[in-house]
Amino acid sequence: MRVGELARRTGVSPRALRHYDQNGLLPSQRLANGYRDFPEPTVERVRRIRQLLEIGLDLDDVARLLPCFAEDGKLTPCERARQRLHAQITDIDARMASLRATRRMLADELARL
């Protein structure tokens, strides 16, 4: 299927799909006319990529974790996935603590006004 059809079926822009393809995340072939051609399983692969991006991972992390998905579309108990998701939670916790501290400072300044 061509990139426009893949975009329609996944809800992901053609530009993003080309970006994923250029980063080696999507299997594609070039047709004689230069267009990309994606096999049917790419639809599910795009959904997996989007799932990982939505939880805040970057494309390098996505590339490392894509092999950890089972056929049913769920992450398996893959050690890479476990470690990266744990690290992501740790990062979020640190950002939340920083935001709480910033909020306290803002509230203190507001109270002084």
N, C-alpha and C. Protein backbone atom coordinates (compact mmCIF):
# COMPACT_ATOMS: atom_id res chain seq x y z
N MET A 1 0.85 -1.16 0.00
CA MET A 1 0.00 0.00 0.00
C MET A 1 0.89 1.22 0.00
N ARG A 2 0.41 2.28 -0.61
CA ARG A 2 1.18 3.52 -0.66
C ARG A 2 0.98 4.33 0.60
N VAL A 3 1.81 5.34 0.77
CA VAL A 3 1.84 6.11 2.01
C VAL A 3 0.49 6.79 2.30
N GLY A 4 -0.21 7.25 1.28
CA GLY A 4 -1.51 7.89 1.49
C GLY A 4 -2.53 6.92 2.08
N GLU A 5 -2.54 5.70 1.59
CA GLU A 5 -3.45 4.67 2.11
C GLU A 5 -3.08 4.31 3.54
N LEU A 6 -1.78 4.18 3.80
CA LEU A 6 -1.33 3.88 5.16
C LEU A 6 -1.72 5.02 6.11
N ALA A 7 -1.58 6.24 5.67
CA ALA A 7 -1.97 7.40 6.47
C ALA A 7 -3.47 7.37 6.76
N ARG A 8 -4.26 7.08 5.76
CA ARG A 8 -5.71 7.03 5.94
C ARG A 8 -6.11 5.94 6.94
N ARG A 9 -5.46 4.80 6.85
CA ARG A 9 -5.83 3.67 7.70
C ARG A 9 -5.33 3.80 9.14
N THR A 10 -4.28 4.58 9.34
CA THR A 10 -3.71 4.71 10.68
C THR A 10 -4.00 6.04 11.35
N GLY A 11 -4.40 7.04 10.56
CA GLY A 11 -4.62 8.37 11.12
C GLY A 11 -3.32 9.13 11.37
N VAL A 12 -2.25 8.67 10.79
CA VAL A 12 -0.93 9.30 10.95
C VAL A 12 -0.60 10.00 9.64
N SER A 13 -0.04 11.20 9.73
CA SER A 13 0.23 11.97 8.52
C SER A 13 1.26 11.28 7.63
N PRO A 14 1.15 11.49 6.32
CA PRO A 14 2.16 10.93 5.41
C PRO A 14 3.57 11.40 5.77
N ARG A 15 3.68 12.64 6.21
CA ARG A 15 5.00 13.17 6.58
C ARG A 15 5.59 12.37 7.74
N ALA A 16 4.78 12.09 8.76
CA ALA A 16 5.26 11.30 9.91
C ALA A 16 5.64 9.89 9.45
N LEU A 17 4.83 9.30 8.58
CA LEU A 17 5.13 7.95 8.09
C LEU A 17 6.45 7.93 7.33
N ARG A 18 6.69 8.95 6.52
CA ARG A 18 7.96 9.02 5.80
C ARG A 18 9.12 9.15 6.79
N HIS A 19 8.90 9.94 7.84
CA HIS A 19 9.92 10.11 8.87
C HIS A 19 10.22 8.77 9.55
N TYR A 20 9.19 8.02 9.91
CA TYR A 20 9.40 6.70 10.51
C TYR A 20 10.15 5.79 9.55
N ASP A 21 9.78 5.86 8.29
CA ASP A 21 10.43 5.03 7.27
C ASP A 21 11.90 5.41 7.15
N GLN A 22 12.19 6.68 7.11
CA GLN A 22 13.59 7.14 6.98
C GLN A 22 14.42 6.75 8.20
N ASN A 23 13.77 6.58 9.34
CA ASN A 23 14.47 6.18 10.56
C ASN A 23 14.51 4.67 10.74
N GLY A 24 14.09 3.94 9.72
CA GLY A 24 14.19 2.48 9.74
C GLY A 24 13.13 1.77 10.57
N LEU A 25 12.05 2.48 10.92
CA LEU A 25 11.01 1.87 11.74
C LEU A 25 9.95 1.14 10.94
N LEU A 26 9.84 1.46 9.66
CA LEU A 26 8.81 0.83 8.83
C LEU A 26 9.44 0.09 7.67
N PRO A 27 8.94 -1.10 7.40
CA PRO A 27 9.42 -1.82 6.21
C PRO A 27 8.73 -1.25 4.97
N SER A 28 9.51 -0.95 3.97
CA SER A 28 8.92 -0.49 2.71
C SER A 28 9.85 -0.84 1.56
N GLN A 29 9.26 -0.84 0.41
CA GLN A 29 10.03 -1.03 -0.82
C GLN A 29 9.76 0.17 -1.70
N ARG A 30 10.69 0.48 -2.56
CA ARG A 30 10.47 1.54 -3.54
C ARG A 30 9.97 0.89 -4.84
N LEU A 31 8.86 1.43 -5.32
CA LEU A 31 8.34 0.97 -6.60
C LEU A 31 9.14 1.61 -7.73
N ALA A 32 8.95 1.15 -8.93
CA ALA A 32 9.68 1.67 -10.08
C ALA A 32 9.47 3.18 -10.24
N ASN A 33 8.29 3.67 -9.84
CA ASN A 33 8.01 5.10 -9.96
C ASN A 33 8.54 5.92 -8.78
N GLY A 34 9.23 5.25 -7.84
CA GLY A 34 9.82 5.93 -6.69
C GLY A 34 8.95 5.99 -5.45
N TYR A 35 7.69 5.60 -5.59
CA TYR A 35 6.79 5.62 -4.43
C TYR A 35 7.15 4.50 -3.46
N ARG A 36 6.88 4.78 -2.19
CA ARG A 36 7.06 3.73 -1.17
C ARG A 36 5.87 2.78 -1.23
N ASP A 37 6.14 1.52 -0.97
CA ASP A 37 5.10 0.51 -0.90
C ASP A 37 5.26 -0.21 0.43
N PHE A 38 4.19 -0.19 1.24
CA PHE A 38 4.22 -0.77 2.58
C PHE A 38 3.39 -2.05 2.61
N PRO A 39 3.90 -3.11 3.23
CA PRO A 39 3.11 -4.34 3.36
C PRO A 39 1.99 -4.15 4.39
N GLU A 40 1.00 -4.99 4.33
CA GLU A 40 -0.18 -4.92 5.21
C GLU A 40 0.16 -4.85 6.71
N PRO A 41 1.11 -5.65 7.22
CA PRO A 41 1.40 -5.60 8.66
C PRO A 41 1.91 -4.24 9.15
N THR A 42 2.25 -3.35 8.22
CA THR A 42 2.74 -2.03 8.62
C THR A 42 1.68 -1.23 9.36
N VAL A 43 0.40 -1.50 9.08
CA VAL A 43 -0.68 -0.79 9.76
C VAL A 43 -0.56 -1.01 11.27
N GLU A 44 -0.39 -2.25 11.68
CA GLU A 44 -0.26 -2.56 13.11
C GLU A 44 1.05 -2.01 13.65
N ARG A 45 2.09 -2.06 12.88
CA ARG A 45 3.39 -1.53 13.33
C ARG A 45 3.30 -0.04 13.60
N VAL A 46 2.59 0.69 12.76
CA VAL A 46 2.41 2.13 12.98
C VAL A 46 1.65 2.36 14.28
N ARG A 47 0.64 1.55 14.55
CA ARG A 47 -0.10 1.68 15.81
C ARG A 47 0.82 1.47 17.01
N ARG A 48 1.72 0.53 16.91
CA ARG A 48 2.67 0.26 17.99
C ARG A 48 3.63 1.44 18.17
N ILE A 49 4.10 1.97 17.06
CA ILE A 49 4.99 3.14 17.11
C ILE A 49 4.28 4.29 17.81
N ARG A 50 3.05 4.56 17.41
CA ARG A 50 2.28 5.66 18.01
C ARG A 50 2.06 5.42 19.50
N GLN A 51 1.80 4.19 19.88
CA GLN A 51 1.59 3.86 21.29
C GLN A 51 2.84 4.22 22.10
N LEU A 52 4.00 3.87 21.59
CA LEU A 52 5.24 4.15 22.30
C LEU A 52 5.56 5.65 22.32
N LEU A 53 5.29 6.32 21.22
CA LEU A 53 5.52 7.76 21.18
C LEU A 53 4.58 8.50 22.14
N GLU A 54 3.35 8.02 22.24
CA GLU A 54 2.37 8.67 23.12
C GLU A 54 2.74 8.57 24.59
N ILE A 55 3.52 7.58 24.97
CA ILE A 55 3.94 7.50 26.37
C ILE A 55 5.27 8.24 26.60
N GLY A 56 5.70 8.98 25.60
CA GLY A 56 6.85 9.85 25.77
C GLY A 56 8.19 9.32 25.34
N LEU A 57 8.21 8.18 24.68
CA LEU A 57 9.48 7.64 24.21
C LEU A 57 9.89 8.32 22.91
N ASP A 58 11.19 8.32 22.64
CA ASP A 58 11.66 8.89 21.38
C ASP A 58 11.84 7.77 20.34
N LEU A 59 12.20 8.16 19.13
CA LEU A 59 12.28 7.17 18.05
C LEU A 59 13.37 6.13 18.30
N ASP A 60 14.45 6.51 18.97
CA ASP A 60 15.48 5.50 19.29
C ASP A 60 14.92 4.44 20.23
N ASP A 61 14.17 4.91 21.25
CA ASP A 61 13.53 3.96 22.16
C ASP A 61 12.53 3.08 21.42
N VAL A 62 11.77 3.71 20.55
CA VAL A 62 10.77 2.95 19.78
C VAL A 62 11.45 1.85 18.99
N ALA A 63 12.55 2.17 18.33
CA ALA A 63 13.27 1.17 17.53
C ALA A 63 13.73 0.01 18.40
N ARG A 64 14.17 0.31 19.62
CA ARG A 64 14.64 -0.76 20.52
C ARG A 64 13.50 -1.60 21.07
N LEU A 65 12.31 -0.99 21.22
CA LEU A 65 11.21 -1.72 21.85
C LEU A 65 10.26 -2.40 20.88
N LEU A 66 10.26 -2.03 19.62
CA LEU A 66 9.35 -2.68 18.66
C LEU A 66 9.49 -4.20 18.64
N PRO A 67 10.70 -4.75 18.75
CA PRO A 67 10.80 -6.22 18.76
C PRO A 67 10.18 -6.85 20.00
N CYS A 68 9.86 -6.06 21.01
CA CYS A 68 9.29 -6.60 22.26
C CYS A 68 7.78 -6.81 22.17
N PHE A 69 7.16 -6.45 21.06
CA PHE A 69 5.72 -6.63 20.92
C PHE A 69 5.40 -8.06 20.48
N ALA A 70 4.34 -8.61 21.06
CA ALA A 70 3.84 -9.92 20.65
C ALA A 70 2.91 -9.75 19.46
N GLU A 71 2.52 -10.84 18.86
CA GLU A 71 1.60 -10.81 17.72
C GLU A 71 0.27 -10.13 18.05
N ASP A 72 -0.16 -10.21 19.32
CA ASP A 72 -1.44 -9.62 19.70
C ASP A 72 -1.35 -8.11 19.90
N GLY A 73 -0.16 -7.52 19.69
CA GLY A 73 0.00 -6.08 19.80
C GLY A 73 0.35 -5.58 21.18
N LYS A 74 0.60 -6.49 22.11
CA LYS A 74 0.95 -6.09 23.48
C LYS A 74 2.44 -6.28 23.71
N LEU A 75 2.99 -5.43 24.59
CA LEU A 75 4.39 -5.62 24.97
C LEU A 75 4.55 -6.92 25.73
N THR A 76 5.61 -7.61 25.43
CA THR A 76 5.92 -8.85 26.14
C THR A 76 6.80 -8.51 27.35
N PRO A 77 7.03 -9.45 28.25
CA PRO A 77 7.91 -9.19 29.39
C PRO A 77 9.38 -9.13 28.95
N CYS A 78 9.66 -8.27 28.05
CA CYS A 78 11.00 -8.06 27.48
C CYS A 78 11.80 -7.16 28.44
N GLU A 79 13.01 -7.55 28.77
CA GLU A 79 13.81 -6.79 29.73
C GLU A 79 14.08 -5.37 29.24
N ARG A 80 14.31 -5.20 27.94
CA ARG A 80 14.52 -3.85 27.40
C ARG A 80 13.32 -2.97 27.67
N ALA A 81 12.13 -3.52 27.44
CA ALA A 81 10.90 -2.75 27.67
C ALA A 81 10.75 -2.43 29.15
N ARG A 82 10.96 -3.40 29.97
CA ARG A 82 10.84 -3.21 31.43
C ARG A 82 11.77 -2.09 31.90
N GLN A 83 13.03 -2.14 31.47
CA GLN A 83 14.01 -1.13 31.89
C GLN A 83 13.65 0.26 31.38
N ARG A 84 13.25 0.33 30.10
CA ARG A 84 12.97 1.65 29.53
C ARG A 84 11.71 2.25 30.13
N LEU A 85 10.68 1.45 30.35
CA LEU A 85 9.45 1.96 30.94
C LEU A 85 9.69 2.39 32.39
N HIS A 86 10.52 1.65 33.10
CA HIS A 86 10.87 2.05 34.47
C HIS A 86 11.61 3.39 34.43
N ALA A 87 12.54 3.55 33.52
CA ALA A 87 13.28 4.81 33.40
C ALA A 87 12.35 5.96 33.04
N GLN A 88 11.36 5.68 32.19
CA GLN A 88 10.40 6.72 31.81
C GLN A 88 9.58 7.17 33.02
N ILE A 89 9.17 6.22 33.84
CA ILE A 89 8.42 6.56 35.06
C ILE A 89 9.30 7.39 36.00
N THR A 90 10.56 7.01 36.14
CA THR A 90 11.49 7.76 36.98
C THR A 90 11.64 9.20 36.47
N ASP A 91 11.77 9.36 35.16
CA ASP A 91 11.88 10.69 34.57
C ASP A 91 10.62 11.52 34.84
N ILE A 92 9.47 10.92 34.68
CA ILE A 92 8.21 11.62 34.92
C ILE A 92 8.10 12.03 36.38
N ASP A 93 8.47 11.13 37.28
CA ASP A 93 8.44 11.45 38.71
C ASP A 93 9.34 12.65 39.01
N ALA A 94 10.52 12.69 38.42
CA ALA A 94 11.44 13.81 38.65
C ALA A 94 10.87 15.11 38.11
N ARG A 95 10.26 15.06 36.93
CA ARG A 95 9.64 16.28 36.37
C ARG A 95 8.48 16.75 37.22
N MET A 96 7.70 15.79 37.73
CA MET A 96 6.57 16.16 38.59
C MET A 96 7.07 16.82 39.88
N ALA A 97 8.13 16.31 40.46
CA ALA A 97 8.70 16.90 41.68
C ALA A 97 9.19 18.31 41.39
N SER A 98 9.83 18.49 40.25
CA SER A 98 10.30 19.82 39.87
C SER A 98 9.14 20.78 39.67
N LEU A 99 8.08 20.32 39.04
CA LEU A 99 6.90 21.16 38.84
C LEU A 99 6.24 21.52 40.17
N ARG A 100 6.18 20.56 41.09
CA ARG A 100 5.61 20.85 42.41
C ARG A 100 6.42 21.92 43.14
N ALA A 101 7.74 21.83 43.05
CA ALA A 101 8.60 22.83 43.68
C ALA A 101 8.40 24.20 43.03
N THR A 102 8.31 24.23 41.73
CA THR A 102 8.07 25.49 41.02
C THR A 102 6.71 26.06 41.40
N ARG A 103 5.72 25.20 41.52
CA ARG A 103 4.38 25.66 41.90
C ARG A 103 4.40 26.27 43.31
N ARG A 104 5.14 25.61 44.23
CA ARG A 104 5.23 26.15 45.59
C ARG A 104 5.86 27.54 45.59
N MET A 105 6.92 27.71 44.79
CA MET A 105 7.57 29.02 44.70
C MET A 105 6.62 30.06 44.13
N LEU A 106 5.88 29.69 43.10
CA LEU A 106 4.91 30.63 42.52
C LEU A 106 3.81 30.99 43.52
N ALA A 107 3.33 30.00 44.24
CA ALA A 107 2.28 30.24 45.23
C ALA A 107 2.80 31.15 46.34
N ASP A 108 4.05 30.93 46.75
CA ASP A 108 4.64 31.79 47.79
C ASP A 108 4.77 33.23 47.29
N GLU A 109 5.22 33.41 46.05
CA GLU A 109 5.33 34.76 45.49
C GLU A 109 3.96 35.42 45.38
N LEU A 110 2.99 34.65 44.94
CA LEU A 110 1.63 35.18 44.83
C LEU A 110 1.08 35.59 46.19
N ALA A 111 1.36 34.81 47.20
CA ALA A 111 0.88 35.11 48.56
C ALA A 111 1.52 36.40 49.07
N ARG A 112 2.78 36.65 48.68
CA ARG A 112 3.44 37.87 49.13
C ARG A 112 2.91 39.10 48.43
N LEU A 113 2.30 38.92 47.28
CA LEU A 113 1.77 40.10 46.53
C LEU A 113 0.58 40.63 47.23
